[in-house]
Amino acid sequence: MSQIFDLERLVSDDGSYFSKMASELTLSAMKSNFKEIADEKGIEGAVESMLRLFEGSWITHGSTVLQWYAAELGKTECPVCGTTIDQKILLERLES
């Protein structure tokens, strides 16, 4: 689902609105890139590429992207390790 952001608030905001907007845009870009890269390199290759491309943002949003991707495939398990997706599992997988 797309969100429409009020750009007028960007100039008068304390930064939280911009932060939310940037986070939503980053997450959207990650989803799009992950699907494209996974089609080309496989899921493990996509995880590695995403970590290189998005660095800390991937650590923050990676589990959300993997959950979205699993749902796109019609699965409830992590497409990388086959277990229920959560942040802990994602971090363990990325560290190995």
C-alpha atoms as a PDB file:
ATOM      1  CA  MET A   1       0.000   0.000   0.000  1.00  0.00           C
ATOM      2  CA  SER A   2       1.345   3.409  -0.937  1.00  0.00           C
ATOM      3  CA  GLN A   3       1.345   6.362   1.381  1.00  0.00           C
ATOM      4  CA  ILE A   4       1.019   9.970   0.354  1.00  0.00           C
ATOM      5  CA  PHE A   5       3.252  12.240   2.375  1.00  0.00           C
ATOM      6  CA  ASP A   6       2.552  15.880   3.130  1.00  0.00           C
ATOM      7  CA  LEU A   7       5.670  17.626   1.852  1.00  0.00           C
ATOM      8  CA  GLU A   8       4.593  20.886   3.529  1.00  0.00           C
ATOM      9  CA  ARG A   9       5.244  19.244   6.892  1.00  0.00           C
ATOM     10  CA  LEU A  10       8.859  18.563   5.963  1.00  0.00           C
ATOM     11  CA  VAL A  11       9.837  22.208   6.384  1.00  0.00           C
ATOM     12  CA  SER A  12       7.965  22.725   9.656  1.00  0.00           C
ATOM     13  CA  ASP A  13       8.540  19.346  11.284  1.00  0.00           C
ATOM     14  CA  ASP A  14      10.960  18.418  14.073  1.00  0.00           C
ATOM     15  CA  GLY A  15      12.404  15.678  11.876  1.00  0.00           C
ATOM     16  CA  SER A  16      10.138  12.811  12.880  1.00  0.00           C
ATOM     17  CA  TYR A  17       7.911  13.175   9.814  1.00  0.00           C
ATOM     18  CA  PHE A  18      10.934  13.191   7.503  1.00  0.00           C
ATOM     19  CA  SER A  19      12.336  10.169   9.333  1.00  0.00           C
ATOM     20  CA  LYS A  20       9.085   8.251   8.853  1.00  0.00           C
ATOM     21  CA  MET A  21       8.935   9.195   5.193  1.00  0.00           C
ATOM     22  CA  ALA A  22      12.563   8.212   4.585  1.00  0.00           C
ATOM     23  CA  SER A  23      12.023   4.905   6.376  1.00  0.00           C
ATOM     24  CA  GLU A  24       8.933   4.073   4.284  1.00  0.00           C
ATOM     25  CA  LEU A  25      10.729   4.976   1.055  1.00  0.00           C
ATOM     26  CA  THR A  26      13.778   2.900   2.026  1.00  0.00           C
ATOM     27  CA  LEU A  27      11.580  -0.084   2.881  1.00  0.00           C
ATOM     28  CA  SER A  28       9.783   0.227  -0.447  1.00  0.00           C
ATOM     29  CA  ALA A  29      13.105   0.340  -2.309  1.00  0.00           C
ATOM     30  CA  MET A  30      14.339  -2.684  -0.376  1.00  0.00           C
ATOM     31  CA  LYS A  31      11.272  -4.747  -1.274  1.00  0.00           C
ATOM     32  CA  SER A  32      11.585  -3.895  -4.937  1.00  0.00           C
ATOM     33  CA  ASN A  33      15.331  -4.578  -5.034  1.00  0.00           C
ATOM     34  CA  PHE A  34      15.107  -7.777  -2.997  1.00  0.00           C
ATOM     35  CA  LYS A  35      12.574  -9.352  -5.338  1.00  0.00           C
ATOM     36  CA  GLU A  36      14.599  -8.429  -8.409  1.00  0.00           C
ATOM     37  CA  ILE A  37      17.908  -9.618  -6.941  1.00  0.00           C
ATOM     38  CA  ALA A  38      16.359 -12.843  -5.564  1.00  0.00           C
ATOM     39  CA  ASP A  39      15.060 -13.659  -9.037  1.00  0.00           C
ATOM     40  CA  GLU A  40      18.576 -13.218 -10.408  1.00  0.00           C
ATOM     41  CA  LYS A  41      20.873 -14.495  -7.618  1.00  0.00           C
ATOM     42  CA  GLY A  42      18.616 -16.563  -5.379  1.00  0.00           C
ATOM     43  CA  ILE A  43      17.535 -15.671  -1.887  1.00  0.00           C
ATOM     44  CA  GLU A  44      20.907 -16.054  -0.174  1.00  0.00           C
ATOM     45  CA  GLY A  45      22.553 -13.923  -2.853  1.00  0.00           C
ATOM     46  CA  ALA A  46      19.831 -11.327  -2.393  1.00  0.00           C
ATOM     47  CA  VAL A  47      20.403 -11.196   1.379  1.00  0.00           C
ATOM     48  CA  GLU A  48      24.139 -10.654   0.834  1.00  0.00           C
ATOM     49  CA  SER A  49      23.501  -7.991  -1.821  1.00  0.00           C
ATOM     50  CA  MET A  50      20.973  -6.176   0.349  1.00  0.00           C
ATOM     51  CA  LEU A  51      23.422  -6.029   3.216  1.00  0.00           C
ATOM     52  CA  ARG A  52      25.999  -4.453   0.918  1.00  0.00           C
ATOM     53  CA  LEU A  53      23.512  -2.059  -0.680  1.00  0.00           C
ATOM     54  CA  PHE A  54      21.577  -0.915   2.373  1.00  0.00           C
ATOM     55  CA  GLU A  55      23.966  -1.685   5.271  1.00  0.00           C
ATOM     56  CA  GLY A  56      22.377  -0.615   8.588  1.00  0.00           C
ATOM     57  CA  SER A  57      18.967  -0.105   7.039  1.00  0.00           C
ATOM     58  CA  TRP A  58      18.964  -3.776   6.034  1.00  0.00           C
ATOM     59  CA  ILE A  59      19.671  -4.766   9.642  1.00  0.00           C
ATOM     60  CA  THR A  60      16.716  -2.611  10.734  1.00  0.00           C
ATOM     61  CA  HIS A  61      14.251  -3.587   7.998  1.00  0.00           C
ATOM     62  CA  GLY A  62      15.571  -6.927   6.711  1.00  0.00           C
ATOM     63  CA  SER A  63      13.171  -9.100   8.672  1.00  0.00           C
ATOM     64  CA  THR A  64      10.252  -7.013   7.395  1.00  0.00           C
ATOM     65  CA  VAL A  65      11.439  -7.469   3.816  1.00  0.00           C
ATOM     66  CA  LEU A  66      11.888 -11.228   4.300  1.00  0.00           C
ATOM     67  CA  GLN A  67       8.415 -11.521   5.833  1.00  0.00           C
ATOM     68  CA  TRP A  68       6.969  -9.587   2.906  1.00  0.00           C
ATOM     69  CA  TYR A  69       8.852 -11.763   0.427  1.00  0.00           C
ATOM     70  CA  ALA A  70       7.720 -14.972   2.138  1.00  0.00           C
ATOM     71  CA  ALA A  71       4.123 -13.712   1.968  1.00  0.00           C
ATOM     72  CA  GLU A  72       4.616 -12.941  -1.730  1.00  0.00           C
ATOM     73  CA  LEU A  73       5.649 -16.562  -2.203  1.00  0.00           C
ATOM     74  CA  GLY A  74       2.695 -17.703  -0.085  1.00  0.00           C
ATOM     75  CA  LYS A  75       4.885 -19.018   2.725  1.00  0.00           C
ATOM     76  CA  THR A  76       4.996 -18.347   6.468  1.00  0.00           C
ATOM     77  CA  GLU A  77       8.605 -19.418   6.876  1.00  0.00           C
ATOM     78  CA  CYS A  78      11.830 -17.593   6.181  1.00  0.00           C
ATOM     79  CA  PRO A  79      12.903 -18.245   2.592  1.00  0.00           C
ATOM     80  CA  VAL A  80      16.547 -18.265   3.744  1.00  0.00           C
ATOM     81  CA  CYS A  81      16.587 -20.603   6.746  1.00  0.00           C
ATOM     82  CA  GLY A  82      13.112 -22.185   6.749  1.00  0.00           C
ATOM     83  CA  THR A  83      12.145 -21.085  10.258  1.00  0.00           C
ATOM     84  CA  THR A  84       9.753 -18.452  11.523  1.00  0.00           C
ATOM     85  CA  ILE A  85      11.090 -15.046  10.605  1.00  0.00           C
ATOM     86  CA  ASP A  86      12.109 -12.644  13.336  1.00  0.00           C
ATOM     87  CA  GLN A  87      14.900 -10.135  13.866  1.00  0.00           C
ATOM     88  CA  LYS A  88      17.020 -12.522  15.958  1.00  0.00           C
ATOM     89  CA  ILE A  89      17.071 -15.197  13.262  1.00  0.00           C
ATOM     90  CA  LEU A  90      17.870 -12.608  10.600  1.00  0.00           C
ATOM     91  CA  LEU A  91      20.803 -11.207  12.582  1.00  0.00           C
ATOM     92  CA  GLU A  92      22.167 -14.694  13.308  1.00  0.00           C
ATOM     93  CA  ARG A  93      21.932 -15.548   9.602  1.00  0.00           C
ATOM     94  CA  LEU A  94      23.706 -12.359   8.546  1.00  0.00           C
ATOM     95  CA  GLU A  95      26.509 -12.863  11.073  1.00  0.00           C
ATOM     96  CA  SER A  96      27.326 -16.378   9.858  1.00  0.00           C
END
